[in-house]
Amino acid sequence: YLESQSFTAPFEDVGRDGQRVVASWKHGGNTDIHKSFIRLTPDRQSKRGYLWSQDNIGADEFTSTLKFRIAGQGKKFFGDGIAMWLTQNPFYA
């Protein structure tokens, strides 16, 4: 278990700008953090959102479980893709 790489709702922390934040994670683009969930992008094409961990993994090996829900207002899902990146050097979009 890597506590610094894990998060779960409720998201109670608020940044200086009055927006919710996830401790030790940087978010941006169209990402919106709500009390009970994180929306990476709205259900519109060509939108981008991200969450970058600000901490190193600090382990030679690890297992990851990710849970995503894809939903929208329309009858069809419009999305441009999703990715998970692991890098040796910090990079924040």
PDB file of N, CA and C in Angstrom:
ATOM      1  N   TYR A   1       0.837  -1.183   0.000  1.00  0.00           N
ATOM      2  CA  TYR A   1       0.000   0.000   0.000  1.00  0.00           C
ATOM      3  C   TYR A   1       0.877   1.239   0.000  1.00  0.00           C
ATOM      4  N   LEU A   2       0.717   2.090  -0.985  1.00  0.00           N
ATOM      5  CA  LEU A   2       1.475   3.333  -1.093  1.00  0.00           C
ATOM      6  C   LEU A   2       0.538   4.497  -0.775  1.00  0.00           C
ATOM      7  N   GLU A   3       0.510   4.909   0.472  1.00  0.00           N
ATOM      8  CA  GLU A   3      -0.449   5.927   0.921  1.00  0.00           C
ATOM      9  C   GLU A   3      -0.360   7.222   0.131  1.00  0.00           C
ATOM     10  N   SER A   4       0.868   7.657  -0.207  1.00  0.00           N
ATOM     11  CA  SER A   4       1.005   8.923  -0.930  1.00  0.00           C
ATOM     12  C   SER A   4       0.473   8.846  -2.356  1.00  0.00           C
ATOM     13  N   GLN A   5       0.274   7.634  -2.872  1.00  0.00           N
ATOM     14  CA  GLN A   5      -0.233   7.467  -4.233  1.00  0.00           C
ATOM     15  C   GLN A   5      -1.718   7.115  -4.254  1.00  0.00           C
ATOM     16  N   SER A   6      -2.348   7.131  -3.098  1.00  0.00           N
ATOM     17  CA  SER A   6      -3.741   6.717  -2.996  1.00  0.00           C
ATOM     18  C   SER A   6      -4.618   7.891  -2.574  1.00  0.00           C
ATOM     19  N   PHE A   7      -5.834   7.907  -3.062  1.00  0.00           N
ATOM     20  CA  PHE A   7      -6.805   8.889  -2.592  1.00  0.00           C
ATOM     21  C   PHE A   7      -8.201   8.337  -2.777  1.00  0.00           C
ATOM     22  N   THR A   8      -9.109   8.832  -1.987  1.00  0.00           N
ATOM     23  CA  THR A   8     -10.502   8.425  -2.071  1.00  0.00           C
ATOM     24  C   THR A   8     -11.371   9.558  -1.528  1.00  0.00           C
ATOM     25  N   ALA A   9     -12.591   9.599  -1.977  1.00  0.00           N
ATOM     26  CA  ALA A   9     -13.533  10.611  -1.498  1.00  0.00           C
ATOM     27  C   ALA A   9     -13.862  10.324  -0.031  1.00  0.00           C
ATOM     28  N   PRO A  10     -14.269  11.307   0.729  1.00  0.00           N
ATOM     29  CA  PRO A  10     -14.595  12.666   0.308  1.00  0.00           C
ATOM     30  C   PRO A  10     -13.348  13.543   0.190  1.00  0.00           C
ATOM     31  N   PHE A  11     -13.395  14.489  -0.734  1.00  0.00           N
ATOM     32  CA  PHE A  11     -12.307  15.438  -0.951  1.00  0.00           C
ATOM     33  C   PHE A  11     -12.683  16.740  -0.250  1.00  0.00           C
ATOM     34  N   GLU A  12     -12.125  16.936   0.936  1.00  0.00           N
ATOM     35  CA  GLU A  12     -12.482  18.072   1.793  1.00  0.00           C
ATOM     36  C   GLU A  12     -11.509  19.240   1.685  1.00  0.00           C
ATOM     37  N   ASP A  13     -10.246  18.974   1.264  1.00  0.00           N
ATOM     38  CA  ASP A  13      -9.232  20.027   1.239  1.00  0.00           C
ATOM     39  C   ASP A  13      -9.546  21.065   0.170  1.00  0.00           C
ATOM     40  N   VAL A  14      -9.289  22.337   0.515  1.00  0.00           N
ATOM     41  CA  VAL A  14      -9.550  23.445  -0.396  1.00  0.00           C
ATOM     42  C   VAL A  14      -8.283  24.272  -0.527  1.00  0.00           C
ATOM     43  N   GLY A  15      -7.925  24.627  -1.763  1.00  0.00           N
ATOM     44  CA  GLY A  15      -6.738  25.434  -2.025  1.00  0.00           C
ATOM     45  C   GLY A  15      -6.993  26.916  -1.781  1.00  0.00           C
ATOM     46  N   ARG A  16      -5.944  27.713  -1.967  1.00  0.00           N
ATOM     47  CA  ARG A  16      -6.045  29.168  -1.767  1.00  0.00           C
ATOM     48  C   ARG A  16      -7.063  29.824  -2.679  1.00  0.00           C
ATOM     49  N   ASP A  17      -7.303  29.201  -3.822  1.00  0.00           N
ATOM     50  CA  ASP A  17      -8.254  29.779  -4.778  1.00  0.00           C
ATOM     51  C   ASP A  17      -9.703  29.370  -4.493  1.00  0.00           C
ATOM     52  N   GLY A  18      -9.919  28.607  -3.397  1.00  0.00           N
ATOM     53  CA  GLY A  18     -11.266  28.193  -3.032  1.00  0.00           C
ATOM     54  C   GLY A  18     -11.736  26.919  -3.718  1.00  0.00           C
ATOM     55  N   GLN A  19     -10.892  26.334  -4.565  1.00  0.00           N
ATOM     56  CA  GLN A  19     -11.236  25.099  -5.273  1.00  0.00           C
ATOM     57  C   GLN A  19     -10.746  23.891  -4.474  1.00  0.00           C
ATOM     58  N   ARG A  20     -11.478  22.790  -4.581  1.00  0.00           N
ATOM     59  CA  ARG A  20     -11.064  21.558  -3.898  1.00  0.00           C
ATOM     60  C   ARG A  20      -9.749  21.040  -4.496  1.00  0.00           C
ATOM     61  N   VAL A  21      -8.935  20.404  -3.662  1.00  0.00           N
ATOM     62  CA  VAL A  21      -7.665  19.824  -4.087  1.00  0.00           C
ATOM     63  C   VAL A  21      -7.536  18.425  -3.491  1.00  0.00           C
ATOM     64  N   VAL A  22      -6.635  17.632  -4.073  1.00  0.00           N
ATOM     65  CA  VAL A  22      -6.267  16.326  -3.532  1.00  0.00           C
ATOM     66  C   VAL A  22      -4.840  16.474  -3.021  1.00  0.00           C
ATOM     67  N   ALA A  23      -4.645  16.235  -1.732  1.00  0.00           N
ATOM     68  CA  ALA A  23      -3.325  16.397  -1.123  1.00  0.00           C
ATOM     69  C   ALA A  23      -2.272  15.592  -1.875  1.00  0.00           C
ATOM     70  N   SER A  24      -1.131  16.191  -2.146  1.00  0.00           N
ATOM     71  CA  SER A  24       0.017  15.574  -2.826  1.00  0.00           C
ATOM     72  C   SER A  24      -0.228  15.282  -4.304  1.00  0.00           C
ATOM     73  N   TRP A  25      -1.273  15.847  -4.884  1.00  0.00           N
ATOM     74  CA  TRP A  25      -1.565  15.677  -6.307  1.00  0.00           C
ATOM     75  C   TRP A  25      -1.798  17.042  -6.924  1.00  0.00           C
ATOM     76  N   LYS A  26      -1.337  17.204  -8.155  1.00  0.00           N
ATOM     77  CA  LYS A  26      -1.559  18.436  -8.905  1.00  0.00           C
ATOM     78  C   LYS A  26      -2.583  18.126  -9.992  1.00  0.00           C
ATOM     79  N   HIS A  27      -3.543  19.006 -10.163  1.00  0.00           N
ATOM     80  CA  HIS A  27      -4.544  18.796 -11.206  1.00  0.00           C
ATOM     81  C   HIS A  27      -4.628  20.038 -12.080  1.00  0.00           C
ATOM     82  N   GLY A  28      -5.165  19.862 -13.271  1.00  0.00           N
ATOM     83  CA  GLY A  28      -5.288  20.999 -14.166  1.00  0.00           C
ATOM     84  C   GLY A  28      -6.098  20.658 -15.394  1.00  0.00           C
ATOM     85  N   GLY A  29      -6.055  21.566 -16.344  1.00  0.00           N
ATOM     86  CA  GLY A  29      -6.867  21.413 -17.539  1.00  0.00           C
ATOM     87  C   GLY A  29      -8.331  21.543 -17.162  1.00  0.00           C
ATOM     88  N   ASN A  30      -9.148  20.639 -17.623  1.00  0.00           N
ATOM     89  CA  ASN A  30     -10.574  20.661 -17.331  1.00  0.00           C
ATOM     90  C   ASN A  30     -10.955  19.820 -16.106  1.00  0.00           C
ATOM     91  N   THR A  31      -9.968  19.360 -15.343  1.00  0.00           N
ATOM     92  CA  THR A  31     -10.248  18.535 -14.175  1.00  0.00           C
ATOM     93  C   THR A  31     -11.017  19.339 -13.136  1.00  0.00           C
ATOM     94  N   ASP A  32     -12.042  18.718 -12.577  1.00  0.00           N
ATOM     95  CA  ASP A  32     -12.892  19.352 -11.582  1.00  0.00           C
ATOM     96  C   ASP A  32     -13.030  18.393 -10.407  1.00  0.00           C
ATOM     97  N   ILE A  33     -12.634  18.830  -9.222  1.00  0.00           N
ATOM     98  CA  ILE A  33     -12.687  17.988  -8.036  1.00  0.00           C
ATOM     99  C   ILE A  33     -13.940  18.349  -7.237  1.00  0.00           C
ATOM    100  N   HIS A  34     -14.800  17.375  -7.069  1.00  0.00           N
ATOM    101  CA  HIS A  34     -16.024  17.542  -6.283  1.00  0.00           C
ATOM    102  C   HIS A  34     -15.824  16.852  -4.942  1.00  0.00           C
ATOM    103  N   LYS A  35     -16.744  17.000  -4.036  1.00  0.00           N
ATOM    104  CA  LYS A  35     -16.614  16.375  -2.724  1.00  0.00           C
ATOM    105  C   LYS A  35     -16.569  14.858  -2.818  1.00  0.00           C
ATOM    106  N   SER A  36     -17.334  14.254  -3.734  1.00  0.00           N
ATOM    107  CA  SER A  36     -17.435  12.794  -3.774  1.00  0.00           C
ATOM    108  C   SER A  36     -16.810  12.141  -5.010  1.00  0.00           C
ATOM    109  N   PHE A  37     -16.284  12.937  -5.960  1.00  0.00           N
ATOM    110  CA  PHE A  37     -15.658  12.359  -7.149  1.00  0.00           C
ATOM    111  C   PHE A  37     -14.773  13.396  -7.826  1.00  0.00           C
ATOM    112  N   ILE A  38     -13.951  12.904  -8.761  1.00  0.00           N
ATOM    113  CA  ILE A  38     -13.103  13.771  -9.585  1.00  0.00           C
ATOM    114  C   ILE A  38     -13.515  13.579 -11.030  1.00  0.00           C
ATOM    115  N   ARG A  39     -13.793  14.662 -11.716  1.00  0.00           N
ATOM    116  CA  ARG A  39     -14.115  14.608 -13.148  1.00  0.00           C
ATOM    117  C   ARG A  39     -12.883  15.107 -13.899  1.00  0.00           C
ATOM    118  N   LEU A  40     -12.257  14.213 -14.661  1.00  0.00           N
ATOM    119  CA  LEU A  40     -11.081  14.621 -15.433  1.00  0.00           C
ATOM    120  C   LEU A  40     -11.467  15.549 -16.574  1.00  0.00           C
ATOM    121  N   THR A  41     -12.564  15.235 -17.257  1.00  0.00           N
ATOM    122  CA  THR A  41     -13.041  16.090 -18.353  1.00  0.00           C
ATOM    123  C   THR A  41     -14.563  16.042 -18.418  1.00  0.00           C
ATOM    124  N   PRO A  42     -15.172  17.099 -18.926  1.00  0.00           N
ATOM    125  CA  PRO A  42     -16.610  17.038 -19.174  1.00  0.00           C
ATOM    126  C   PRO A  42     -16.878  16.144 -20.389  1.00  0.00           C
ATOM    127  N   ASP A  43     -18.140  15.849 -20.642  1.00  0.00           N
ATOM    128  CA  ASP A  43     -18.477  14.946 -21.751  1.00  0.00           C
ATOM    129  C   ASP A  43     -18.554  15.702 -23.079  1.00  0.00           C
ATOM    130  N   ARG A  44     -17.461  16.317 -23.426  1.00  0.00           N
ATOM    131  CA  ARG A  44     -17.322  17.037 -24.688  1.00  0.00           C
ATOM    132  C   ARG A  44     -15.991  16.649 -25.315  1.00  0.00           C
ATOM    133  N   GLN A  45     -15.935  16.683 -26.635  1.00  0.00           N
ATOM    134  CA  GLN A  45     -14.693  16.334 -27.330  1.00  0.00           C
ATOM    135  C   GLN A  45     -13.622  17.392 -27.104  1.00  0.00           C
ATOM    136  N   SER A  46     -12.390  16.952 -27.255  1.00  0.00           N
ATOM    137  CA  SER A  46     -11.208  17.819 -27.228  1.00  0.00           C
ATOM    138  C   SER A  46     -11.020  18.549 -25.905  1.00  0.00           C
ATOM    139  N   LYS A  47     -11.385  17.920 -24.806  1.00  0.00           N
ATOM    140  CA  LYS A  47     -11.132  18.460 -23.469  1.00  0.00           C
ATOM    141  C   LYS A  47     -10.016  17.646 -22.838  1.00  0.00           C
ATOM    142  N   ARG A  48      -9.226  18.297 -22.002  1.00  0.00           N
ATOM    143  CA  ARG A  48      -8.086  17.630 -21.367  1.00  0.00           C
ATOM    144  C   ARG A  48      -8.085  17.906 -19.882  1.00  0.00           C
ATOM    145  N   GLY A  49      -7.787  16.888 -19.113  1.00  0.00           N
ATOM    146  CA  GLY A  49      -7.645  17.039 -17.679  1.00  0.00           C
ATOM    147  C   GLY A  49      -6.581  16.080 -17.187  1.00  0.00           C
ATOM    148  N   TYR A  50      -6.021  16.386 -16.034  1.00  0.00           N
ATOM    149  CA  TYR A  50      -4.966  15.510 -15.520  1.00  0.00           C
ATOM    150  C   TYR A  50      -4.873  15.565 -14.003  1.00  0.00           C
ATOM    151  N   LEU A  51      -4.299  14.510 -13.449  1.00  0.00           N
ATOM    152  CA  LEU A  51      -3.862  14.428 -12.060  1.00  0.00           C
ATOM    153  C   LEU A  51      -2.435  13.915 -12.078  1.00  0.00           C
ATOM    154  N   TRP A  52      -1.502  14.663 -11.508  1.00  0.00           N
ATOM    155  CA  TRP A  52      -0.102  14.254 -11.416  1.00  0.00           C
ATOM    156  C   TRP A  52       0.246  14.102  -9.942  1.00  0.00           C
ATOM    157  N   SER A  53       0.790  12.957  -9.570  1.00  0.00           N
ATOM    158  CA  SER A  53       1.265  12.797  -8.200  1.00  0.00           C
ATOM    159  C   SER A  53       2.499  13.662  -7.998  1.00  0.00           C
ATOM    160  N   GLN A  54       2.585  14.310  -6.856  1.00  0.00           N
ATOM    161  CA  GLN A  54       3.756  15.132  -6.546  1.00  0.00           C
ATOM    162  C   GLN A  54       4.806  14.350  -5.766  1.00  0.00           C
ATOM    163  N   ASP A  55       4.511  13.073  -5.457  1.00  0.00           N
ATOM    164  CA  ASP A  55       5.437  12.230  -4.707  1.00  0.00           C
ATOM    165  C   ASP A  55       5.951  11.086  -5.577  1.00  0.00           C
ATOM    166  N   ASN A  56       7.200  10.682  -5.330  1.00  0.00           N
ATOM    167  CA  ASN A  56       7.747   9.508  -6.002  1.00  0.00           C
ATOM    168  C   ASN A  56       7.054   8.252  -5.489  1.00  0.00           C
ATOM    169  N   ILE A  57       7.029   7.225  -6.313  1.00  0.00           N
ATOM    170  CA  ILE A  57       6.455   5.953  -5.878  1.00  0.00           C
ATOM    171  C   ILE A  57       7.328   5.345  -4.783  1.00  0.00           C
ATOM    172  N   GLY A  58       8.641   5.381  -4.962  1.00  0.00           N
ATOM    173  CA  GLY A  58       9.545   4.910  -3.920  1.00  0.00           C
ATOM    174  C   GLY A  58       9.518   3.410  -3.695  1.00  0.00           C
ATOM    175  N   ALA A  59       9.192   2.632  -4.720  1.00  0.00           N
ATOM    176  CA  ALA A  59       9.164   1.176  -4.607  1.00  0.00           C
ATOM    177  C   ALA A  59       9.687   0.585  -5.906  1.00  0.00           C
ATOM    178  N   ASP A  60      10.343  -0.564  -5.814  1.00  0.00           N
ATOM    179  CA  ASP A  60      10.843  -1.233  -7.011  1.00  0.00           C
ATOM    180  C   ASP A  60       9.710  -1.867  -7.814  1.00  0.00           C
ATOM    181  N   GLU A  61       8.674  -2.305  -7.119  1.00  0.00           N
ATOM    182  CA  GLU A  61       7.521  -2.931  -7.769  1.00  0.00           C
ATOM    183  C   GLU A  61       6.257  -2.449  -7.077  1.00  0.00           C
ATOM    184  N   PHE A  62       5.161  -2.441  -7.807  1.00  0.00           N
ATOM    185  CA  PHE A  62       3.881  -2.107  -7.202  1.00  0.00           C
ATOM    186  C   PHE A  62       2.756  -2.622  -8.084  1.00  0.00           C
ATOM    187  N   THR A  63       1.584  -2.718  -7.499  1.00  0.00           N
ATOM    188  CA  THR A  63       0.373  -3.106  -8.200  1.00  0.00           C
ATOM    189  C   THR A  63      -0.594  -1.940  -8.088  1.00  0.00           C
ATOM    190  N   SER A  64      -1.318  -1.694  -9.159  1.00  0.00           N
ATOM    191  CA  SER A  64      -2.227  -0.563  -9.170  1.00  0.00           C
ATOM    192  C   SER A  64      -3.639  -1.014  -9.525  1.00  0.00           C
ATOM    193  N   THR A  65      -4.610  -0.483  -8.821  1.00  0.00           N
ATOM    194  CA  THR A  65      -6.020  -0.706  -9.140  1.00  0.00           C
ATOM    195  C   THR A  65      -6.641   0.650  -9.418  1.00  0.00           C
ATOM    196  N   LEU A  66      -7.158   0.823 -10.617  1.00  0.00           N
ATOM    197  CA  LEU A  66      -7.781   2.087 -11.014  1.00  0.00           C
ATOM    198  C   LEU A  66      -9.257   1.842 -11.273  1.00  0.00           C
ATOM    199  N   LYS A  67     -10.073   2.765 -10.866  1.00  0.00           N
ATOM    200  CA  LYS A  67     -11.512   2.647 -11.110  1.00  0.00           C
ATOM    201  C   LYS A  67     -11.963   3.911 -11.838  1.00  0.00           C
ATOM    202  N   PHE A  68     -12.482   3.731 -13.048  1.00  0.00           N
ATOM    203  CA  PHE A  68     -12.972   4.843 -13.853  1.00  0.00           C
ATOM    204  C   PHE A  68     -14.432   4.612 -14.180  1.00  0.00           C
ATOM    205  N   ARG A  69     -15.174   5.657 -14.235  1.00  0.00           N
ATOM    206  CA  ARG A  69     -16.550   5.602 -14.709  1.00  0.00           C
ATOM    207  C   ARG A  69     -16.674   6.573 -15.867  1.00  0.00           C
ATOM    208  N   ILE A  70     -17.194   6.110 -16.966  1.00  0.00           N
ATOM    209  CA  ILE A  70     -17.394   6.962 -18.132  1.00  0.00           C
ATOM    210  C   ILE A  70     -18.891   7.169 -18.279  1.00  0.00           C
ATOM    211  N   ALA A  71     -19.306   8.428 -18.243  1.00  0.00           N
ATOM    212  CA  ALA A  71     -20.726   8.750 -18.326  1.00  0.00           C
ATOM    213  C   ALA A  71     -20.893  10.069 -19.058  1.00  0.00           C
ATOM    214  N   GLY A  72     -22.096  10.330 -19.516  1.00  0.00           N
ATOM    215  CA  GLY A  72     -22.355  11.586 -20.203  1.00  0.00           C
ATOM    216  C   GLY A  72     -23.834  11.814 -20.403  1.00  0.00           C
ATOM    217  N   GLN A  73     -24.154  12.976 -20.934  1.00  0.00           N
ATOM    218  CA  GLN A  73     -25.534  13.370 -21.156  1.00  0.00           C
ATOM    219  C   GLN A  73     -26.113  12.792 -22.445  1.00  0.00           C
ATOM    220  N   GLY A  74     -25.258  12.538 -23.422  1.00  0.00           N
ATOM    221  CA  GLY A  74     -25.733  12.094 -24.728  1.00  0.00           C
ATOM    222  C   GLY A  74     -25.968  10.599 -24.808  1.00  0.00           C
ATOM    223  N   LYS A  75     -26.482  10.162 -25.962  1.00  0.00           N
ATOM    224  CA  LYS A  75     -26.718   8.740 -26.197  1.00  0.00           C
ATOM    225  C   LYS A  75     -25.434   8.010 -26.564  1.00  0.00           C
ATOM    226  N   LYS A  76     -24.438   8.770 -27.029  1.00  0.00           N
ATOM    227  CA  LYS A  76     -23.138   8.197 -27.379  1.00  0.00           C
ATOM    228  C   LYS A  76     -22.083   8.842 -26.492  1.00  0.00           C
ATOM    229  N   PHE A  77     -21.031   8.079 -26.226  1.00  0.00           N
ATOM    230  CA  PHE A  77     -19.927   8.617 -25.453  1.00  0.00           C
ATOM    231  C   PHE A  77     -18.925   9.272 -26.391  1.00  0.00           C
ATOM    232  N   PHE A  78     -18.566  10.495 -26.088  1.00  0.00           N
ATOM    233  CA  PHE A  78     -17.573  11.208 -26.875  1.00  0.00           C
ATOM    234  C   PHE A  78     -16.332  11.384 -26.015  1.00  0.00           C
ATOM    235  N   GLY A  79     -15.262  10.791 -26.422  1.00  0.00           N
ATOM    236  CA  GLY A  79     -14.015  10.923 -25.688  1.00  0.00           C
ATOM    237  C   GLY A  79     -12.851  10.735 -26.632  1.00  0.00           C
ATOM    238  N   ASP A  80     -11.741  11.287 -26.234  1.00  0.00           N
ATOM    239  CA  ASP A  80     -10.559  11.215 -27.084  1.00  0.00           C
ATOM    240  C   ASP A  80      -9.532  10.232 -26.558  1.00  0.00           C
ATOM    241  N   GLY A  81      -9.813   9.553 -25.433  1.00  0.00           N
ATOM    242  CA  GLY A  81      -8.890   8.556 -24.904  1.00  0.00           C
ATOM    243  C   GLY A  81      -8.503   8.850 -23.471  1.00  0.00           C
ATOM    244  N   ILE A  82      -7.794   7.909 -22.892  1.00  0.00           N
ATOM    245  CA  ILE A  82      -7.315   8.040 -21.517  1.00  0.00           C
ATOM    246  C   ILE A  82      -5.960   7.340 -21.430  1.00  0.00           C
ATOM    247  N   ALA A  83      -5.095   7.824 -20.558  1.00  0.00           N
ATOM    248  CA  ALA A  83      -3.766   7.223 -20.422  1.00  0.00           C
ATOM    249  C   ALA A  83      -3.282   7.338 -18.986  1.00  0.00           C
ATOM    250  N   MET A  84      -2.423   6.427 -18.597  1.00  0.00           N
ATOM    251  CA  MET A  84      -1.722   6.499 -17.324  1.00  0.00           C
ATOM    252  C   MET A  84      -0.238   6.494 -17.646  1.00  0.00           C
ATOM    253  N   TRP A  85       0.473   7.497 -17.180  1.00  0.00           N
ATOM    254  CA  TRP A  85       1.906   7.620 -17.452  1.00  0.00           C
ATOM    255  C   TRP A  85       2.686   7.391 -16.174  1.00  0.00           C
ATOM    256  N   LEU A  86       3.775   6.649 -16.284  1.00  0.00           N
ATOM    257  CA  LEU A  86       4.742   6.485 -15.205  1.00  0.00           C
ATOM    258  C   LEU A  86       6.068   7.023 -15.728  1.00  0.00           C
ATOM    259  N   THR A  87       6.645   7.981 -15.028  1.00  0.00           N
ATOM    260  CA  THR A  87       7.888   8.594 -15.492  1.00  0.00           C
ATOM    261  C   THR A  87       8.942   8.550 -14.388  1.00  0.00           C
ATOM    262  N   GLN A  88      10.213   8.583 -14.791  1.00  0.00           N
ATOM    263  CA  GLN A  88      11.289   8.632 -13.813  1.00  0.00           C
ATOM    264  C   GLN A  88      11.503  10.053 -13.310  1.00  0.00           C
ATOM    265  N   ASN A  89      11.248  11.040 -14.138  1.00  0.00           N
ATOM    266  CA  ASN A  89      11.461  12.430 -13.753  1.00  0.00           C
ATOM    267  C   ASN A  89      10.122  13.126 -13.586  1.00  0.00           C
ATOM    268  N   PRO A  90      10.020  14.014 -12.594  1.00  0.00           N
ATOM    269  CA  PRO A  90       8.765  14.729 -12.403  1.00  0.00           C
ATOM    270  C   PRO A  90       8.406  15.568 -13.636  1.00  0.00           C
ATOM    271  N   PHE A  91       7.168  15.580 -13.961  1.00  0.00           N
ATOM    272  CA  PHE A  91       6.681  16.413 -15.057  1.00  0.00           C
ATOM    273  C   PHE A  91       5.271  16.840 -14.724  1.00  0.00           C
ATOM    274  N   TYR A  92       5.016  18.096 -14.756  1.00  0.00           N
ATOM    275  CA  TYR A  92       3.678  18.603 -14.467  1.00  0.00           C
ATOM    276  C   TYR A  92       3.232  19.440 -15.649  1.00  0.00           C
ATOM    277  N   ALA A  93       2.107  19.046 -16.256  1.00  0.00           N
ATOM    278  CA  ALA A  93       1.583  19.745 -17.422  1.00  0.00           C
ATOM    279  C   ALA A  93       1.168  21.149 -17.077  1.00  0.00           C
TER     280      ALA A  93
END
